[in-house]
């Protein structure tokens, strides 16, 4: 390939890179976060917490049970007279529910996590 052909190829690559950058910069940030959250966060969480069979492995069970305990998911009510405490608890609960929803756990897996959290599991 001659020098002029290489320069044309580089120039074309620069133009394509600029177009791709413009495309991604024109996407609203909220939409981009939703897309990334939907297509990247779910598979990442499944990779971290679930085994190849789609069920939580032992380390995943322990970590999810600890997260449930720390966020107060086992409480029947998150009510508190202080509105800031109430908002904080609801935020923790919503984040944990999002994680469970992204993992697509079935009822048996959730029950197993609850037993591990209560000390009833093996």
Protein backbone atom coordinates (compact mmCIF):
# COMPACT_ATOMS: atom_id res chain seq x y z
CA UNK A 1 0.00 0.00 0.00
CA UNK A 2 1.43 3.38 -0.97
CA UNK A 3 1.77 6.42 1.26
CA UNK A 4 -1.21 8.18 -0.26
CA UNK A 5 -3.39 5.06 0.14
CA UNK A 6 -2.38 4.79 3.82
CA UNK A 7 -3.16 8.46 4.36
CA UNK A 8 -6.60 8.06 2.73
CA UNK A 9 -7.26 5.05 4.97
CA UNK A 10 -6.22 6.99 8.11
CA UNK A 11 -8.33 9.96 7.06
CA UNK A 12 -11.32 7.67 6.54
CA UNK A 13 -10.76 6.11 9.98
CA UNK A 14 -10.67 9.57 11.55
CA UNK A 15 -13.95 10.50 9.84
CA UNK A 16 -15.61 7.26 11.00
CA UNK A 17 -14.33 7.81 14.56
CA UNK A 18 -15.73 11.35 14.55
CA UNK A 19 -19.12 10.11 13.36
CA UNK A 20 -19.24 7.39 16.01
CA UNK A 21 -18.24 9.90 18.70
CA UNK A 22 -20.93 12.30 17.51
CA UNK A 23 -23.48 9.49 17.52
CA UNK A 24 -22.75 8.55 21.13
CA UNK A 25 -22.45 12.15 22.30
CA UNK A 26 -25.85 12.97 20.81
CA UNK A 27 -27.59 10.23 22.80
CA UNK A 28 -29.15 11.70 25.95
CA UNK A 29 -27.26 10.68 29.06
CA UNK A 30 -30.34 9.22 30.74
CA UNK A 31 -31.05 7.00 27.74
CA UNK A 32 -27.42 5.88 27.51
CA UNK A 33 -27.38 4.97 31.21
CA UNK A 34 -30.59 2.99 30.82
CA UNK A 35 -29.21 1.09 27.83
CA UNK A 36 -25.90 0.39 29.55
CA UNK A 37 -27.66 -0.60 32.74
CA UNK A 38 -29.95 -2.97 30.94
CA UNK A 39 -27.44 -4.64 28.66
CA UNK A 40 -24.27 -4.53 30.76
CA UNK A 41 -25.21 -4.49 34.42
CA UNK A 42 -27.51 -7.53 34.28
CA UNK A 43 -24.98 -9.85 32.60
CA UNK A 44 -22.23 -8.53 34.88
CA UNK A 45 -24.28 -9.25 38.01
CA UNK A 46 -25.23 -12.69 36.71
CA UNK A 47 -21.54 -13.41 36.04
CA UNK A 48 -20.59 -12.29 39.57
CA UNK A 49 -23.30 -14.05 41.58
CA UNK A 50 -24.60 -16.97 39.50
CA UNK A 51 -22.96 -20.21 38.49
CA UNK A 52 -23.13 -21.77 35.03
CA UNK A 53 -26.41 -23.47 35.96
CA UNK A 54 -28.10 -20.10 36.60
CA UNK A 55 -28.32 -20.57 40.36
CA UNK A 56 -26.29 -18.56 42.89
CA UNK A 57 -23.04 -20.27 43.83
CA UNK A 58 -22.03 -20.44 47.50
CA UNK A 59 -20.01 -17.18 47.50
CA UNK A 60 -22.83 -15.44 45.64
CA UNK A 61 -25.34 -16.69 48.20
CA UNK A 62 -23.25 -15.36 51.07
CA UNK A 63 -22.73 -11.95 49.47
CA UNK A 64 -26.39 -11.56 48.47
CA UNK A 65 -27.53 -12.64 51.94
CA UNK A 66 -25.20 -10.08 53.52
CA UNK A 67 -26.49 -7.38 51.18
CA UNK A 68 -30.05 -8.32 52.10
CA UNK A 69 -29.18 -8.08 55.78
CA UNK A 70 -27.38 -4.74 55.47
CA UNK A 71 -30.11 -3.13 53.36
CA UNK A 72 -32.88 -4.28 55.68
CA UNK A 73 -34.71 -6.40 53.13
CA UNK A 74 -35.87 -8.79 55.87
CA UNK A 75 -37.73 -6.01 57.70
CA UNK A 76 -41.47 -6.04 57.31
CA UNK A 77 -41.61 -2.26 57.31
CA UNK A 78 -39.05 0.37 56.45
CA UNK A 79 -41.13 3.07 58.12
CA UNK A 80 -39.38 5.63 60.28
CA UNK A 81 -40.73 8.95 61.63
CA UNK A 82 -37.67 10.73 60.21
CA UNK A 83 -38.26 11.29 56.46
CA UNK A 84 -34.54 11.23 55.67
CA UNK A 85 -34.10 7.82 57.30
CA UNK A 86 -37.19 6.58 55.49
CA UNK A 87 -35.86 7.80 52.13
CA UNK A 88 -32.45 6.23 52.85
CA UNK A 89 -34.01 2.86 53.69
CA UNK A 90 -36.25 2.97 50.63
CA UNK A 91 -33.24 3.75 48.43
CA UNK A 92 -31.35 0.77 49.83
CA UNK A 93 -34.36 -1.46 49.35
CA UNK A 94 -34.90 -0.27 45.77
CA UNK A 95 -31.24 -0.90 44.90
CA UNK A 96 -31.40 -4.41 46.29
CA UNK A 97 -34.66 -5.13 44.45
CA UNK A 98 -33.01 -3.95 41.24
CA UNK A 99 -30.13 -6.38 41.79
CA UNK A 100 -32.52 -9.27 42.44
CA UNK A 101 -34.57 -8.36 39.36
CA UNK A 102 -31.47 -8.19 37.15
CA UNK A 103 -30.37 -11.62 38.40
CA UNK A 104 -33.73 -13.14 37.34
CA UNK A 105 -33.83 -15.44 40.34
CA UNK A 106 -36.66 -17.91 40.73
CA UNK A 107 -38.64 -18.31 43.95
CA UNK A 108 -36.60 -21.30 45.13
CA UNK A 109 -33.33 -19.36 44.81
CA UNK A 110 -34.77 -16.40 46.72
CA UNK A 111 -36.02 -18.75 49.45
CA UNK A 112 -32.55 -20.32 49.65
CA UNK A 113 -31.01 -16.85 50.07
CA UNK A 114 -33.48 -16.09 52.85
CA UNK A 115 -32.54 -19.35 54.62
CA UNK A 116 -28.83 -18.56 54.33
CA UNK A 117 -29.54 -15.11 55.73
CA UNK A 118 -31.46 -16.53 58.67
CA UNK A 119 -28.77 -19.09 59.44
CA UNK A 120 -31.01 -22.00 58.45
CA UNK A 121 -29.05 -22.97 55.33
CA UNK A 122 -26.15 -25.39 55.21
